[in-house]
């Protein structure tokens, strides 16, 4: 299930993300990522500019937003 913001207001990168920005795949937290435009159909709009949808299953419909690799 996709994670939703628990409170209103601007998105803030959670402190429990234990990887550097753009490092979720390298750290094993995700198996891949897609850009915001591709993810918008199933994940909705990104919470902030410059974000990608990181997925943990082959359907690419599950998991979390984080900033795109640089």
C-alpha atoms as a PDB file:
ATOM      1  CA  UNK A   1       0.000   0.000   0.000  1.00  0.00           C
ATOM      2  CA  UNK A   2       1.285   3.445  -0.841  1.00  0.00           C
ATOM      3  CA  UNK A   3       2.226   5.616   2.087  1.00  0.00           C
ATOM      4  CA  UNK A   4       0.244   8.806   2.510  1.00  0.00           C
ATOM      5  CA  UNK A   5       1.201  11.974   4.339  1.00  0.00           C
ATOM      6  CA  UNK A   6       0.053  11.762   7.932  1.00  0.00           C
ATOM      7  CA  UNK A   7      -0.323  15.515   8.361  1.00  0.00           C
ATOM      8  CA  UNK A   8      -1.128  18.434   6.107  1.00  0.00           C
ATOM      9  CA  UNK A   9       1.571  20.770   4.902  1.00  0.00           C
ATOM     10  CA  UNK A  10       4.694  20.445   2.793  1.00  0.00           C
ATOM     11  CA  UNK A  11       6.339  17.065   2.443  1.00  0.00           C
ATOM     12  CA  UNK A  12       9.436  16.484   4.502  1.00  0.00           C
ATOM     13  CA  UNK A  13      11.816  13.603   3.877  1.00  0.00           C
ATOM     14  CA  UNK A  14      11.335  11.203   6.810  1.00  0.00           C
ATOM     15  CA  UNK A  15      14.280  10.850   9.159  1.00  0.00           C
ATOM     16  CA  UNK A  16      13.907   7.071   9.092  1.00  0.00           C
ATOM     17  CA  UNK A  17      14.959   6.969   5.422  1.00  0.00           C
ATOM     18  CA  UNK A  18      18.380   5.491   6.073  1.00  0.00           C
ATOM     19  CA  UNK A  19      19.848   6.161   2.632  1.00  0.00           C
ATOM     20  CA  UNK A  20      21.107   9.268   0.871  1.00  0.00           C
ATOM     21  CA  UNK A  21      18.837  11.122  -1.556  1.00  0.00           C
ATOM     22  CA  UNK A  22      18.534   8.984  -4.689  1.00  0.00           C
ATOM     23  CA  UNK A  23      20.125   5.993  -2.951  1.00  0.00           C
ATOM     24  CA  UNK A  24      17.092   3.821  -2.169  1.00  0.00           C
ATOM     25  CA  UNK A  25      17.858   1.246  -4.894  1.00  0.00           C
ATOM     26  CA  UNK A  26      21.561   1.009  -4.033  1.00  0.00           C
ATOM     27  CA  UNK A  27      20.718   0.567  -0.354  1.00  0.00           C
ATOM     28  CA  UNK A  28      18.171  -2.191  -1.059  1.00  0.00           C
ATOM     29  CA  UNK A  29      15.132  -0.198   0.063  1.00  0.00           C
ATOM     30  CA  UNK A  30      13.609  -0.359  -3.454  1.00  0.00           C
ATOM     31  CA  UNK A  31      14.047  -2.405  -6.618  1.00  0.00           C
ATOM     32  CA  UNK A  32      13.680   0.557  -8.984  1.00  0.00           C
ATOM     33  CA  UNK A  33      12.150   3.969  -9.562  1.00  0.00           C
ATOM     34  CA  UNK A  34      10.152   5.882 -12.140  1.00  0.00           C
ATOM     35  CA  UNK A  35       9.709   9.596 -12.706  1.00  0.00           C
ATOM     36  CA  UNK A  36       6.752  11.502 -11.311  1.00  0.00           C
ATOM     37  CA  UNK A  37       4.936  11.731 -14.661  1.00  0.00           C
ATOM     38  CA  UNK A  38       4.977   7.958 -15.094  1.00  0.00           C
ATOM     39  CA  UNK A  39       3.909   7.276 -11.492  1.00  0.00           C
ATOM     40  CA  UNK A  40       1.111   9.862 -11.414  1.00  0.00           C
ATOM     41  CA  UNK A  41      -1.468   7.427 -12.824  1.00  0.00           C
ATOM     42  CA  UNK A  42      -1.217   5.075  -9.839  1.00  0.00           C
ATOM     43  CA  UNK A  43       0.566   7.051  -7.116  1.00  0.00           C
ATOM     44  CA  UNK A  44      -0.966  10.491  -7.592  1.00  0.00           C
ATOM     45  CA  UNK A  45       0.945  13.723  -7.784  1.00  0.00           C
ATOM     46  CA  UNK A  46       4.343  13.841  -6.092  1.00  0.00           C
ATOM     47  CA  UNK A  47       4.412  15.666  -2.760  1.00  0.00           C
ATOM     48  CA  UNK A  48       7.235  17.986  -3.893  1.00  0.00           C
ATOM     49  CA  UNK A  49       9.113  18.884  -7.100  1.00  0.00           C
ATOM     50  CA  UNK A  50      12.086  16.714  -8.088  1.00  0.00           C
ATOM     51  CA  UNK A  51      10.655  13.488  -6.713  1.00  0.00           C
ATOM     52  CA  UNK A  52      10.526   9.957  -8.126  1.00  0.00           C
ATOM     53  CA  UNK A  53       8.372   6.976  -7.151  1.00  0.00           C
ATOM     54  CA  UNK A  54      10.494   4.171  -5.678  1.00  0.00           C
ATOM     55  CA  UNK A  55       8.868   0.749  -5.868  1.00  0.00           C
ATOM     56  CA  UNK A  56       9.412  -2.486  -4.010  1.00  0.00           C
ATOM     57  CA  UNK A  57       7.451  -4.890  -6.188  1.00  0.00           C
ATOM     58  CA  UNK A  58       7.372  -5.648  -9.928  1.00  0.00           C
ATOM     59  CA  UNK A  59       3.943  -4.025 -10.397  1.00  0.00           C
ATOM     60  CA  UNK A  60       5.596  -0.637  -9.601  1.00  0.00           C
ATOM     61  CA  UNK A  61       2.431   0.384  -7.740  1.00  0.00           C
ATOM     62  CA  UNK A  62       3.688  -0.023  -4.185  1.00  0.00           C
ATOM     63  CA  UNK A  63       5.767   2.045  -1.872  1.00  0.00           C
ATOM     64  CA  UNK A  64       7.167   5.544  -1.549  1.00  0.00           C
ATOM     65  CA  UNK A  65       8.170   8.939  -2.920  1.00  0.00           C
ATOM     66  CA  UNK A  66      11.706  10.236  -2.462  1.00  0.00           C
ATOM     67  CA  UNK A  67      13.916  12.661  -4.319  1.00  0.00           C
ATOM     68  CA  UNK A  68      15.260  11.504  -7.680  1.00  0.00           C
ATOM     69  CA  UNK A  69      18.914  10.535  -8.102  1.00  0.00           C
ATOM     70  CA  UNK A  70      21.116  13.426  -9.164  1.00  0.00           C
END
